[in-house]
Amino acid sequence: HDPRIAKECDRIVEIVDGKLTTHEPEPS
């Protein structure tokens, strides 16, 4: 749930209402 942790990853996948989207993390 921590956006600072997520930004340290190679890729972020987000699930909302049972559907998935993928995006690159912003520069941390």
mmCIF file of all heavy atoms, coordinates in Angstrom:
data_MODEL
# 
_entry.id   MODEL 
# 
loop_
_atom_site.group_PDB 
_atom_site.id 
_atom_site.type_symbol 
_atom_site.label_atom_id 
_atom_site.label_alt_id 
_atom_site.label_comp_id 
_atom_site.label_asym_id 
_atom_site.label_entity_id 
_atom_site.label_seq_id 
_atom_site.pdbx_PDB_ins_code 
_atom_site.Cartn_x 
_atom_site.Cartn_y 
_atom_site.Cartn_z 
_atom_site.occupancy 
_atom_site.B_iso_or_equiv 
_atom_site.pdbx_formal_charge 
_atom_site.auth_seq_id 
_atom_site.auth_comp_id 
_atom_site.auth_asym_id 
_atom_site.auth_atom_id 
_atom_site.pdbx_PDB_model_num 
ATOM 1   N N   . HIS A 1 1  ? 0.832   -1.201 0.000   1.00 0.00 ? 1  HIS A N   1 
ATOM 2   C CA  . HIS A 1 1  ? 0.000   0.000  0.000   1.00 0.00 ? 1  HIS A CA  1 
ATOM 3   C C   . HIS A 1 1  ? 0.870   1.257  0.000   1.00 0.00 ? 1  HIS A C   1 
ATOM 4   O O   . HIS A 1 1  ? 0.358   2.368  -0.073  1.00 0.00 ? 1  HIS A O   1 
ATOM 5   C CB  . HIS A 1 1  ? -0.909  0.025  1.242   1.00 0.00 ? 1  HIS A CB  1 
ATOM 6   C CG  . HIS A 1 1  ? -2.084  -0.890 1.158   1.00 0.00 ? 1  HIS A CG  1 
ATOM 7   N ND1 . HIS A 1 1  ? -2.110  -2.133 1.762   1.00 0.00 ? 1  HIS A ND1 1 
ATOM 8   C CD2 . HIS A 1 1  ? -3.268  -0.763 0.526   1.00 0.00 ? 1  HIS A CD2 1 
ATOM 9   C CE1 . HIS A 1 1  ? -3.273  -2.713 1.509   1.00 0.00 ? 1  HIS A CE1 1 
ATOM 10  N NE2 . HIS A 1 1  ? -3.996  -1.900 0.757   1.00 0.00 ? 1  HIS A NE2 1 
ATOM 11  N N   . ASP A 1 2  ? 2.178   1.066  0.100   1.00 0.00 ? 2  ASP A N   1 
ATOM 12  C CA  . ASP A 1 2  ? 3.101   2.187  0.241   1.00 0.00 ? 2  ASP A CA  1 
ATOM 13  C C   . ASP A 1 2  ? 3.618   2.601  -1.138  1.00 0.00 ? 2  ASP A C   1 
ATOM 14  O O   . ASP A 1 2  ? 4.384   1.862  -1.773  1.00 0.00 ? 2  ASP A O   1 
ATOM 15  C CB  . ASP A 1 2  ? 4.269   1.769  1.140   1.00 0.00 ? 2  ASP A CB  1 
ATOM 16  C CG  . ASP A 1 2  ? 5.168   2.942  1.523   1.00 0.00 ? 2  ASP A CG  1 
ATOM 17  O OD1 . ASP A 1 2  ? 5.202   3.944  0.777   1.00 0.00 ? 2  ASP A OD1 1 
ATOM 18  O OD2 . ASP A 1 2  ? 5.850   2.848  2.561   1.00 0.00 ? 2  ASP A OD2 1 
ATOM 19  N N   . PRO A 1 3  ? 3.243   3.779  -1.628  1.00 0.00 ? 3  PRO A N   1 
ATOM 20  C CA  . PRO A 1 3  ? 3.681   4.205  -2.962  1.00 0.00 ? 3  PRO A CA  1 
ATOM 21  C C   . PRO A 1 3  ? 5.194   4.353  -3.064  1.00 0.00 ? 3  PRO A C   1 
ATOM 22  O O   . PRO A 1 3  ? 5.766   4.188  -4.136  1.00 0.00 ? 3  PRO A O   1 
ATOM 23  C CB  . PRO A 1 3  ? 2.975   5.554  -3.166  1.00 0.00 ? 3  PRO A CB  1 
ATOM 24  C CG  . PRO A 1 3  ? 2.612   6.020  -1.797  1.00 0.00 ? 3  PRO A CG  1 
ATOM 25  C CD  . PRO A 1 3  ? 2.363   4.796  -0.991  1.00 0.00 ? 3  PRO A CD  1 
ATOM 26  N N   . ARG A 1 4  ? 5.868   4.632  -1.946  1.00 0.00 ? 4  ARG A N   1 
ATOM 27  C CA  . ARG A 1 4  ? 7.336   4.752  -1.977  1.00 0.00 ? 4  ARG A CA  1 
ATOM 28  C C   . ARG A 1 4  ? 7.969   3.395  -2.258  1.00 0.00 ? 4  ARG A C   1 
ATOM 29  O O   . ARG A 1 4  ? 8.976   3.315  -2.968  1.00 0.00 ? 4  ARG A O   1 
ATOM 30  C CB  . ARG A 1 4  ? 7.844   5.308  -0.642  1.00 0.00 ? 4  ARG A CB  1 
ATOM 31  C CG  . ARG A 1 4  ? 7.347   6.713  -0.310  1.00 0.00 ? 4  ARG A CG  1 
ATOM 32  C CD  . ARG A 1 4  ? 7.722   7.078  1.108   1.00 0.00 ? 4  ARG A CD  1 
ATOM 33  N NE  . ARG A 1 4  ? 7.180   6.097  2.050   1.00 0.00 ? 4  ARG A NE  1 
ATOM 34  C CZ  . ARG A 1 4  ? 7.519   6.025  3.334   1.00 0.00 ? 4  ARG A CZ  1 
ATOM 35  N NH1 . ARG A 1 4  ? 8.445   6.847  3.820   1.00 0.00 ? 4  ARG A NH1 1 
ATOM 36  N NH2 . ARG A 1 4  ? 6.959   5.126  4.130   1.00 0.00 ? 4  ARG A NH2 1 
ATOM 37  N N   . ILE A 1 5  ? 7.392   2.345  -1.710  1.00 0.00 ? 5  ILE A N   1 
ATOM 38  C CA  . ILE A 1 5  ? 7.892   0.991  -1.961  1.00 0.00 ? 5  ILE A CA  1 
ATOM 39  C C   . ILE A 1 5  ? 7.618   0.609  -3.416  1.00 0.00 ? 5  ILE A C   1 
ATOM 40  O O   . ILE A 1 5  ? 8.486   0.071  -4.114  1.00 0.00 ? 5  ILE A O   1 
ATOM 41  C CB  . ILE A 1 5  ? 7.242   -0.018 -1.004  1.00 0.00 ? 5  ILE A CB  1 
ATOM 42  C CG1 . ILE A 1 5  ? 7.607   0.289  0.455   1.00 0.00 ? 5  ILE A CG1 1 
ATOM 43  C CG2 . ILE A 1 5  ? 7.615   -1.445 -1.376  1.00 0.00 ? 5  ILE A CG2 1 
ATOM 44  C CD1 . ILE A 1 5  ? 9.042   0.081  0.808   1.00 0.00 ? 5  ILE A CD1 1 
ATOM 45  N N   . ALA A 1 6  ? 6.399   0.891  -3.878  1.00 0.00 ? 6  ALA A N   1 
ATOM 46  C CA  . ALA A 1 6  ? 6.027   0.530  -5.250  1.00 0.00 ? 6  ALA A CA  1 
ATOM 47  C C   . ALA A 1 6  ? 6.947   1.188  -6.267  1.00 0.00 ? 6  ALA A C   1 
ATOM 48  O O   . ALA A 1 6  ? 7.303   0.585  -7.282  1.00 0.00 ? 6  ALA A O   1 
ATOM 49  C CB  . ALA A 1 6  ? 4.576   0.930  -5.515  1.00 0.00 ? 6  ALA A CB  1 
ATOM 50  N N   . LYS A 1 7  ? 7.359   2.432  -6.001  1.00 0.00 ? 7  LYS A N   1 
ATOM 51  C CA  . LYS A 1 7  ? 8.217   3.159  -6.941  1.00 0.00 ? 7  LYS A CA  1 
ATOM 52  C C   . LYS A 1 7  ? 9.599   2.548  -7.084  1.00 0.00 ? 7  LYS A C   1 
ATOM 53  O O   . LYS A 1 7  ? 10.309  2.819  -8.046  1.00 0.00 ? 7  LYS A O   1 
ATOM 54  C CB  . LYS A 1 7  ? 8.343   4.626  -6.507  1.00 0.00 ? 7  LYS A CB  1 
ATOM 55  C CG  . LYS A 1 7  ? 7.086   5.451  -6.748  1.00 0.00 ? 7  LYS A CG  1 
ATOM 56  C CD  . LYS A 1 7  ? 7.276   6.873  -6.263  1.00 0.00 ? 7  LYS A CD  1 
ATOM 57  C CE  . LYS A 1 7  ? 6.017   7.699  -6.493  1.00 0.00 ? 7  LYS A CE  1 
ATOM 58  N NZ  . LYS A 1 7  ? 6.184   9.091  -6.000  1.00 0.00 ? 7  LYS A NZ  1 
ATOM 59  N N   . GLU A 1 8  ? 9.984   1.706  -6.112  1.00 0.00 ? 8  GLU A N   1 
ATOM 60  C CA  . GLU A 1 8  ? 11.296  1.065  -6.170  1.00 0.00 ? 8  GLU A CA  1 
ATOM 61  C C   . GLU A 1 8  ? 11.264  -0.217 -7.002  1.00 0.00 ? 8  GLU A C   1 
ATOM 62  O O   . GLU A 1 8  ? 12.300  -0.856 -7.200  1.00 0.00 ? 8  GLU A O   1 
ATOM 63  C CB  . GLU A 1 8  ? 11.780  0.745  -4.749  1.00 0.00 ? 8  GLU A CB  1 
ATOM 64  C CG  . GLU A 1 8  ? 11.975  1.959  -3.854  1.00 0.00 ? 8  GLU A CG  1 
ATOM 65  C CD  . GLU A 1 8  ? 13.043  2.913  -4.362  1.00 0.00 ? 8  GLU A CD  1 
ATOM 66  O OE1 . GLU A 1 8  ? 14.059  2.424  -4.892  1.00 0.00 ? 8  GLU A OE1 1 
ATOM 67  O OE2 . GLU A 1 8  ? 12.857  4.131  -4.249  1.00 0.00 ? 8  GLU A OE2 1 
ATOM 68  N N   . CYS A 1 9  ? 10.088  -0.599 -7.499  1.00 0.00 ? 9  CYS A N   1 
ATOM 69  C CA  . CYS A 1 9  ? 9.947   -1.836 -8.265  1.00 0.00 ? 9  CYS A CA  1 
ATOM 70  C C   . CYS A 1 9  ? 10.134  -1.574 -9.761  1.00 0.00 ? 9  CYS A C   1 
ATOM 71  O O   . CYS A 1 9  ? 10.097  -0.439 -10.221 1.00 0.00 ? 9  CYS A O   1 
ATOM 72  C CB  . CYS A 1 9  ? 8.566   -2.452 -8.012  1.00 0.00 ? 9  CYS A CB  1 
ATOM 73  S SG  . CYS A 1 9  ? 8.316   -2.927 -6.272  1.00 0.00 ? 9  CYS A SG  1 
ATOM 74  N N   . ASP A 1 10 ? 10.346  -2.642 -10.514 1.00 0.00 ? 10 ASP A N   1 
ATOM 75  C CA  . ASP A 1 10 ? 10.546  -2.517 -11.959 1.00 0.00 ? 10 ASP A CA  1 
ATOM 76  C C   . ASP A 1 10 ? 9.266   -2.115 -12.674 1.00 0.00 ? 10 ASP A C   1 
ATOM 77  O O   . ASP A 1 10 ? 9.297   -1.407 -13.680 1.00 0.00 ? 10 ASP A O   1 
ATOM 78  C CB  . ASP A 1 10 ? 11.010  -3.852 -12.554 1.00 0.00 ? 10 ASP A CB  1 
ATOM 79  C CG  . ASP A 1 10 ? 12.324  -4.326 -11.974 1.00 0.00 ? 10 ASP A CG  1 
ATOM 80  O OD1 . ASP A 1 10 ? 13.146  -3.477 -11.591 1.00 0.00 ? 10 ASP A OD1 1 
ATOM 81  O OD2 . ASP A 1 10 ? 12.530  -5.549 -11.896 1.00 0.00 ? 10 ASP A OD2 1 
ATOM 82  N N   . ARG A 1 11 ? 8.157   -2.597 -12.147 1.00 0.00 ? 11 ARG A N   1 
ATOM 83  C CA  . ARG A 1 11 ? 6.872   -2.412 -12.823 1.00 0.00 ? 11 ARG A CA  1 
ATOM 84  C C   . ARG A 1 11 ? 5.782   -2.446 -11.762 1.00 0.00 ? 11 ARG A C   1 
ATOM 85  O O   . ARG A 1 11 ? 5.908   -3.130 -10.749 1.00 0.00 ? 11 ARG A O   1 
ATOM 86  C CB  . ARG A 1 11 ? 6.679   -3.551 -13.836 1.00 0.00 ? 11 ARG A CB  1 
ATOM 87  C CG  . ARG A 1 11 ? 5.389   -3.539 -14.621 1.00 0.00 ? 11 ARG A CG  1 
ATOM 88  C CD  . ARG A 1 11 ? 5.513   -4.421 -15.876 1.00 0.00 ? 11 ARG A CD  1 
ATOM 89  N NE  . ARG A 1 11 ? 5.873   -5.796 -15.597 1.00 0.00 ? 11 ARG A NE  1 
ATOM 90  C CZ  . ARG A 1 11 ? 5.018   -6.823 -15.635 1.00 0.00 ? 11 ARG A CZ  1 
ATOM 91  N NH1 . ARG A 1 11 ? 3.757   -6.632 -15.931 1.00 0.00 ? 11 ARG A NH1 1 
ATOM 92  N NH2 . ARG A 1 11 ? 5.444   -8.055 -15.391 1.00 0.00 ? 11 ARG A NH2 1 
ATOM 93  N N   . ILE A 1 12 ? 4.722   -1.705 -11.992 1.00 0.00 ? 12 ILE A N   1 
ATOM 94  C CA  . ILE A 1 12 ? 3.587   -1.675 -11.068 1.00 0.00 ? 12 ILE A CA  1 
ATOM 95  C C   . ILE A 1 12 ? 2.355   -2.182 -11.788 1.00 0.00 ? 12 ILE A C   1 
ATOM 96  O O   . ILE A 1 12 ? 2.019   -1.705 -12.878 1.00 0.00 ? 12 ILE A O   1 
ATOM 97  C CB  . ILE A 1 12 ? 3.319   -0.251 -10.540 1.00 0.00 ? 12 ILE A CB  1 
ATOM 98  C CG1 . ILE A 1 12 ? 4.540   0.285  -9.781  1.00 0.00 ? 12 ILE A CG1 1 
ATOM 99  C CG2 . ILE A 1 12 ? 2.087   -0.230 -9.646  1.00 0.00 ? 12 ILE A CG2 1 
ATOM 100 C CD1 . ILE A 1 12 ? 4.428   1.750  -9.390  1.00 0.00 ? 12 ILE A CD1 1 
ATOM 101 N N   . VAL A 1 13 ? 1.687   -3.162 -11.205 1.00 0.00 ? 13 VAL A N   1 
ATOM 102 C CA  . VAL A 1 13 ? 0.385   -3.589 -11.713 1.00 0.00 ? 13 VAL A CA  1 
ATOM 103 C C   . VAL A 1 13 ? -0.656  -3.203 -10.672 1.00 0.00 ? 13 VAL A C   1 
ATOM 104 O O   . VAL A 1 13 ? -0.464  -3.413 -9.479  1.00 0.00 ? 13 VAL A O   1 
ATOM 105 C CB  . VAL A 1 13 ? 0.345   -5.110 -12.025 1.00 0.00 ? 13 VAL A CB  1 
ATOM 106 C CG1 . VAL A 1 13 ? 1.233   -5.423 -13.201 1.00 0.00 ? 13 VAL A CG1 1 
ATOM 107 C CG2 . VAL A 1 13 ? 0.744   -5.946 -10.828 1.00 0.00 ? 13 VAL A CG2 1 
ATOM 108 N N   . GLU A 1 14 ? -1.722  -2.619 -11.148 1.00 0.00 ? 14 GLU A N   1 
ATOM 109 C CA  . GLU A 1 14 ? -2.766  -2.103 -10.255 1.00 0.00 ? 14 GLU A CA  1 
ATOM 110 C C   . GLU A 1 14 ? -4.073  -2.809 -10.551 1.00 0.00 ? 14 GLU A C   1 
ATOM 111 O O   . GLU A 1 14 ? -4.490  -2.921 -11.702 1.00 0.00 ? 14 GLU A O   1 
ATOM 112 C CB  . GLU A 1 14 ? -2.930  -0.597 -10.434 1.00 0.00 ? 14 GLU A CB  1 
ATOM 113 C CG  . GLU A 1 14 ? -3.964  0.003  -9.503  1.00 0.00 ? 14 GLU A CG  1 
ATOM 114 C CD  . GLU A 1 14 ? -4.040  1.524  -9.604  1.00 0.00 ? 14 GLU A CD  1 
ATOM 115 O OE1 . GLU A 1 14 ? -3.453  2.082  -10.553 1.00 0.00 ? 14 GLU A OE1 1 
ATOM 116 O OE2 . GLU A 1 14 ? -4.669  2.128  -8.728  1.00 0.00 ? 14 GLU A OE2 1 
ATOM 117 N N   . ILE A 1 15 ? -4.713  -3.281 -9.496  1.00 0.00 ? 15 ILE A N   1 
ATOM 118 C CA  . ILE A 1 15 ? -6.013  -3.923 -9.656  1.00 0.00 ? 15 ILE A CA  1 
ATOM 119 C C   . ILE A 1 15 ? -7.082  -3.037 -9.036  1.00 0.00 ? 15 ILE A C   1 
ATOM 120 O O   . ILE A 1 15 ? -6.959  -2.578 -7.902  1.00 0.00 ? 15 ILE A O   1 
ATOM 121 C CB  . ILE A 1 15 ? -6.016  -5.343 -9.029  1.00 0.00 ? 15 ILE A CB  1 
ATOM 122 C CG1 . ILE A 1 15 ? -7.325  -6.056 -9.333  1.00 0.00 ? 15 ILE A CG1 1 
ATOM 123 C CG2 . ILE A 1 15 ? -5.700  -5.327 -7.545  1.00 0.00 ? 15 ILE A CG2 1 
ATOM 124 C CD1 . ILE A 1 15 ? -7.304  -7.538 -9.034  1.00 0.00 ? 15 ILE A CD1 1 
ATOM 125 N N   . VAL A 1 16 ? -8.104  -2.756 -9.820  1.00 0.00 ? 16 VAL A N   1 
ATOM 126 C CA  . VAL A 1 16 ? -9.241  -1.940 -9.378  1.00 0.00 ? 16 VAL A CA  1 
ATOM 127 C C   . VAL A 1 16 ? -10.513 -2.613 -9.876  1.00 0.00 ? 16 VAL A C   1 
ATOM 128 O O   . VAL A 1 16 ? -10.641 -2.894 -11.077 1.00 0.00 ? 16 VAL A O   1 
ATOM 129 C CB  . VAL A 1 16 ? -9.157  -0.497 -9.929  1.00 0.00 ? 16 VAL A CB  1 
ATOM 130 C CG1 . VAL A 1 16 ? -10.382 0.303  -9.490  1.00 0.00 ? 16 VAL A CG1 1 
ATOM 131 C CG2 . VAL A 1 16 ? -7.872  0.184  -9.454  1.00 0.00 ? 16 VAL A CG2 1 
ATOM 132 N N   . ASP A 1 17 ? -11.407 -2.905 -8.959  1.00 0.00 ? 17 ASP A N   1 
ATOM 133 C CA  . ASP A 1 17 ? -12.677 -3.554 -9.317  1.00 0.00 ? 17 ASP A CA  1 
ATOM 134 C C   . ASP A 1 17 ? -12.458 -4.824 -10.138 1.00 0.00 ? 17 ASP A C   1 
ATOM 135 O O   . ASP A 1 17 ? -13.174 -5.092 -11.106 1.00 0.00 ? 17 ASP A O   1 
ATOM 136 C CB  . ASP A 1 17 ? -13.586 -2.585 -10.081 1.00 0.00 ? 17 ASP A CB  1 
ATOM 137 C CG  . ASP A 1 17 ? -14.010 -1.398 -9.231  1.00 0.00 ? 17 ASP A CG  1 
ATOM 138 O OD1 . ASP A 1 17 ? -14.099 -1.554 -7.995  1.00 0.00 ? 17 ASP A OD1 1 
ATOM 139 O OD2 . ASP A 1 17 ? -14.243 -0.316 -9.792  1.00 0.00 ? 17 ASP A OD2 1 
ATOM 140 N N   . GLY A 1 18 ? -11.429 -5.587 -9.761  1.00 0.00 ? 18 GLY A N   1 
ATOM 141 C CA  . GLY A 1 18 ? -11.201 -6.882 -10.399 1.00 0.00 ? 18 GLY A CA  1 
ATOM 142 C C   . GLY A 1 18 ? -10.569 -6.833 -11.766 1.00 0.00 ? 18 GLY A C   1 
ATOM 143 O O   . GLY A 1 18 ? -10.480 -7.848 -12.454 1.00 0.00 ? 18 GLY A O   1 
ATOM 144 N N   . LYS A 1 19 ? -10.085 -5.648 -12.191 1.00 0.00 ? 19 LYS A N   1 
ATOM 145 C CA  . LYS A 1 19 ? -9.422  -5.509 -13.485 1.00 0.00 ? 19 LYS A CA  1 
ATOM 146 C C   . LYS A 1 19 ? -8.017  -4.967 -13.271 1.00 0.00 ? 19 LYS A C   1 
ATOM 147 O O   . LYS A 1 19 ? -7.776  -4.158 -12.377 1.00 0.00 ? 19 LYS A O   1 
ATOM 148 C CB  . LYS A 1 19 ? -10.226 -4.583 -14.408 1.00 0.00 ? 19 LYS A CB  1 
ATOM 149 C CG  . LYS A 1 19 ? -11.616 -5.123 -14.741 1.00 0.00 ? 19 LYS A CG  1 
ATOM 150 C CD  . LYS A 1 19 ? -12.373 -4.170 -15.638 1.00 0.00 ? 19 LYS A CD  1 
ATOM 151 C CE  . LYS A 1 19 ? -13.771 -4.716 -15.965 1.00 0.00 ? 19 LYS A CE  1 
ATOM 152 N NZ  . LYS A 1 19 ? -14.540 -3.776 -16.821 1.00 0.00 ? 19 LYS A NZ  1 
ATOM 153 N N   . LEU A 1 20 ? -7.099  -5.393 -14.142 1.00 0.00 ? 20 LEU A N   1 
ATOM 154 C CA  . LEU A 1 20 ? -5.686  -5.092 -13.948 1.00 0.00 ? 20 LEU A CA  1 
ATOM 155 C C   . LEU A 1 20 ? -5.173  -4.110 -14.993 1.00 0.00 ? 20 LEU A C   1 
ATOM 156 O O   . LEU A 1 20 ? -5.505  -4.209 -16.172 1.00 0.00 ? 20 LEU A O   1 
ATOM 157 C CB  . LEU A 1 20 ? -4.883  -6.395 -14.055 1.00 0.00 ? 20 LEU A CB  1 
ATOM 158 C CG  . LEU A 1 20 ? -3.556  -6.492 -13.289 1.00 0.00 ? 20 LEU A CG  1 
ATOM 159 C CD1 . LEU A 1 20 ? -3.785  -6.411 -11.789 1.00 0.00 ? 20 LEU A CD1 1 
ATOM 160 C CD2 . LEU A 1 20 ? -2.861  -7.801 -13.632 1.00 0.00 ? 20 LEU A CD2 1 
ATOM 161 N N   . THR A 1 21 ? -4.375  -3.166 -14.533 1.00 0.00 ? 21 THR A N   1 
ATOM 162 C CA  . THR A 1 21 ? -3.658  -2.277 -15.447 1.00 0.00 ? 21 THR A CA  1 
ATOM 163 C C   . THR A 1 21 ? -2.183  -2.284 -15.043 1.00 0.00 ? 21 THR A C   1 
ATOM 164 O O   . THR A 1 21 ? -1.852  -2.515 -13.886 1.00 0.00 ? 21 THR A O   1 
ATOM 165 C CB  . THR A 1 21 ? -4.189  -0.832 -15.386 1.00 0.00 ? 21 THR A CB  1 
ATOM 166 O OG1 . THR A 1 21 ? -4.057  -0.337 -14.044 1.00 0.00 ? 21 THR A OG1 1 
ATOM 167 C CG2 . THR A 1 21 ? -5.643  -0.771 -15.807 1.00 0.00 ? 21 THR A CG2 1 
ATOM 168 N N   . THR A 1 22 ? -1.319  -2.022 -16.011 1.00 0.00 ? 22 THR A N   1 
ATOM 169 C CA  . THR A 1 22 ? 0.125   -2.028 -15.755 1.00 0.00 ? 22 THR A CA  1 
ATOM 170 C C   . THR A 1 22 ? 0.713   -0.693 -16.146 1.00 0.00 ? 22 THR A C   1 
ATOM 171 O O   . THR A 1 22 ? 0.334   -0.115 -17.162 1.00 0.00 ? 22 THR A O   1 
ATOM 172 C CB  . THR A 1 22 ? 0.816   -3.140 -16.585 1.00 0.00 ? 22 THR A CB  1 
ATOM 173 O OG1 . THR A 1 22 ? 0.251   -4.402 -16.237 1.00 0.00 ? 22 THR A OG1 1 
ATOM 174 C CG2 . THR A 1 22 ? 2.313   -3.167 -16.307 1.00 0.00 ? 22 THR A CG2 1 
ATOM 175 N N   . HIS A 1 23 ? 1.643   -0.186 -15.323 1.00 0.00 ? 23 HIS A N   1 
ATOM 176 C CA  . HIS A 1 23 ? 2.344   1.042  -15.685 1.00 0.00 ? 23 HIS A CA  1 
ATOM 177 C C   . HIS A 1 23 ? 3.726   1.053  -15.055 1.00 0.00 ? 23 HIS A C   1 
ATOM 178 O O   . HIS A 1 23 ? 3.988   0.347  -14.086 1.00 0.00 ? 23 HIS A O   1 
ATOM 179 C CB  . HIS A 1 23 ? 1.546   2.291  -15.272 1.00 0.00 ? 23 HIS A CB  1 
ATOM 180 C CG  . HIS A 1 23 ? 1.096   2.298  -13.843 1.00 0.00 ? 23 HIS A CG  1 
ATOM 181 N ND1 . HIS A 1 23 ? 1.837   2.840  -12.829 1.00 0.00 ? 23 HIS A ND1 1 
ATOM 182 C CD2 . HIS A 1 23 ? -0.035  1.809  -13.268 1.00 0.00 ? 23 HIS A CD2 1 
ATOM 183 C CE1 . HIS A 1 23 ? 1.180   2.708  -11.679 1.00 0.00 ? 23 HIS A CE1 1 
ATOM 184 N NE2 . HIS A 1 23 ? 0.055   2.089  -11.908 1.00 0.00 ? 23 HIS A NE2 1 
ATOM 185 N N   . GLU A 1 24 ? 4.594   1.837  -15.648 1.00 0.00 ? 24 GLU A N   1 
ATOM 186 C CA  . GLU A 1 24 ? 5.952   1.957  -15.138 1.00 0.00 ? 24 GLU A CA  1 
ATOM 187 C C   . GLU A 1 24 ? 5.939   2.880  -13.922 1.00 0.00 ? 24 GLU A C   1 
ATOM 188 O O   . GLU A 1 24 ? 5.200   3.869  -13.880 1.00 0.00 ? 24 GLU A O   1 
ATOM 189 C CB  . GLU A 1 24 ? 6.881   2.540  -16.213 1.00 0.00 ? 24 GLU A CB  1 
ATOM 190 C CG  . GLU A 1 24 ? 6.993   1.693  -17.463 1.00 0.00 ? 24 GLU A CG  1 
ATOM 191 C CD  . GLU A 1 24 ? 7.604   0.331  -17.192 1.00 0.00 ? 24 GLU A CD  1 
ATOM 192 O OE1 . GLU A 1 24 ? 8.497   0.247  -16.327 1.00 0.00 ? 24 GLU A OE1 1 
ATOM 193 O OE2 . GLU A 1 24 ? 7.180   -0.643 -17.840 1.00 0.00 ? 24 GLU A OE2 1 
ATOM 194 N N   . PRO A 1 25 ? 6.777   2.587  -12.912 1.00 0.00 ? 25 PRO A N   1 
ATOM 195 C CA  . PRO A 1 25 ? 6.837   3.475  -11.746 1.00 0.00 ? 25 PRO A CA  1 
ATOM 196 C C   . PRO A 1 25 ? 7.444   4.810  -12.114 1.00 0.00 ? 25 PRO A C   1 
ATOM 197 O O   . PRO A 1 25 ? 8.318   4.894  -12.999 1.00 0.00 ? 25 PRO A O   1 
ATOM 198 C CB  . PRO A 1 25 ? 7.732   2.717  -10.764 1.00 0.00 ? 25 PRO A CB  1 
ATOM 199 C CG  . PRO A 1 25 ? 8.545   1.794  -11.610 1.00 0.00 ? 25 PRO A CG  1 
ATOM 200 C CD  . PRO A 1 25 ? 7.678   1.436  -12.780 1.00 0.00 ? 25 PRO A CD  1 
ATOM 201 N N   . GLU A 1 26 ? 6.988   5.862  -11.437 1.00 0.00 ? 26 GLU A N   1 
ATOM 202 C CA  . GLU A 1 26 ? 7.586   7.176  -11.631 1.00 0.00 ? 26 GLU A CA  1 
ATOM 203 C C   . GLU A 1 26 ? 8.990   7.178  -11.001 1.00 0.00 ? 26 GLU A C   1 
ATOM 204 O O   . GLU A 1 26 ? 9.264   6.376  -10.111 1.00 0.00 ? 26 GLU A O   1 
ATOM 205 C CB  . GLU A 1 26 ? 6.729   8.261  -10.964 1.00 0.00 ? 26 GLU A CB  1 
ATOM 206 C CG  . GLU A 1 26 ? 5.314   8.349  -11.528 1.00 0.00 ? 26 GLU A CG  1 
ATOM 207 C CD  . GLU A 1 26 ? 4.457   9.316  -10.725 1.00 0.00 ? 26 GLU A CD  1 
ATOM 208 O OE1 . GLU A 1 26 ? 5.007   9.953  -9.794  1.00 0.00 ? 26 GLU A OE1 1 
ATOM 209 O OE2 . GLU A 1 26 ? 3.266   9.427  -11.019 1.00 0.00 ? 26 GLU A OE2 1 
ATOM 210 N N   . PRO A 1 27 ? 9.851   8.051  -11.466 1.00 0.00 ? 27 PRO A N   1 
ATOM 211 C CA  . PRO A 1 27 ? 11.169  8.139  -10.827 1.00 0.00 ? 27 PRO A CA  1 
ATOM 212 C C   . PRO A 1 27 ? 11.008  8.383  -9.335  1.00 0.00 ? 27 PRO A C   1 
ATOM 213 O O   . PRO A 1 27 ? 10.229  9.242  -8.913  1.00 0.00 ? 27 PRO A O   1 
ATOM 214 C CB  . PRO A 1 27 ? 11.818  9.357  -11.520 1.00 0.00 ? 27 PRO A CB  1 
ATOM 215 C CG  . PRO A 1 27 ? 11.115  9.446  -12.837 1.00 0.00 ? 27 PRO A CG  1 
ATOM 216 C CD  . PRO A 1 27 ? 9.706   9.005  -12.572 1.00 0.00 ? 27 PRO A CD  1 
ATOM 217 N N   . SER A 1 28 ? 11.710  7.589  -8.532  1.00 0.00 ? 28 SER A N   1 
ATOM 218 C CA  . SER A 1 28 ? 11.517  7.675  -7.079  1.00 0.00 ? 28 SER A CA  1 
ATOM 219 C C   . SER A 1 28 ? 12.527  8.606  -6.446  1.00 0.00 ? 28 SER A C   1 
ATOM 220 O O   . SER A 1 28 ? 13.629  8.815  -6.941  1.00 0.00 ? 28 SER A O   1 
ATOM 221 C CB  . SER A 1 28 ? 11.657  6.281  -6.453  1.00 0.00 ? 28 SER A CB  1 
ATOM 222 O OG  . SER A 1 28 ? 12.966  5.822  -6.592  1.00 0.00 ? 28 SER A OG  1 
# 
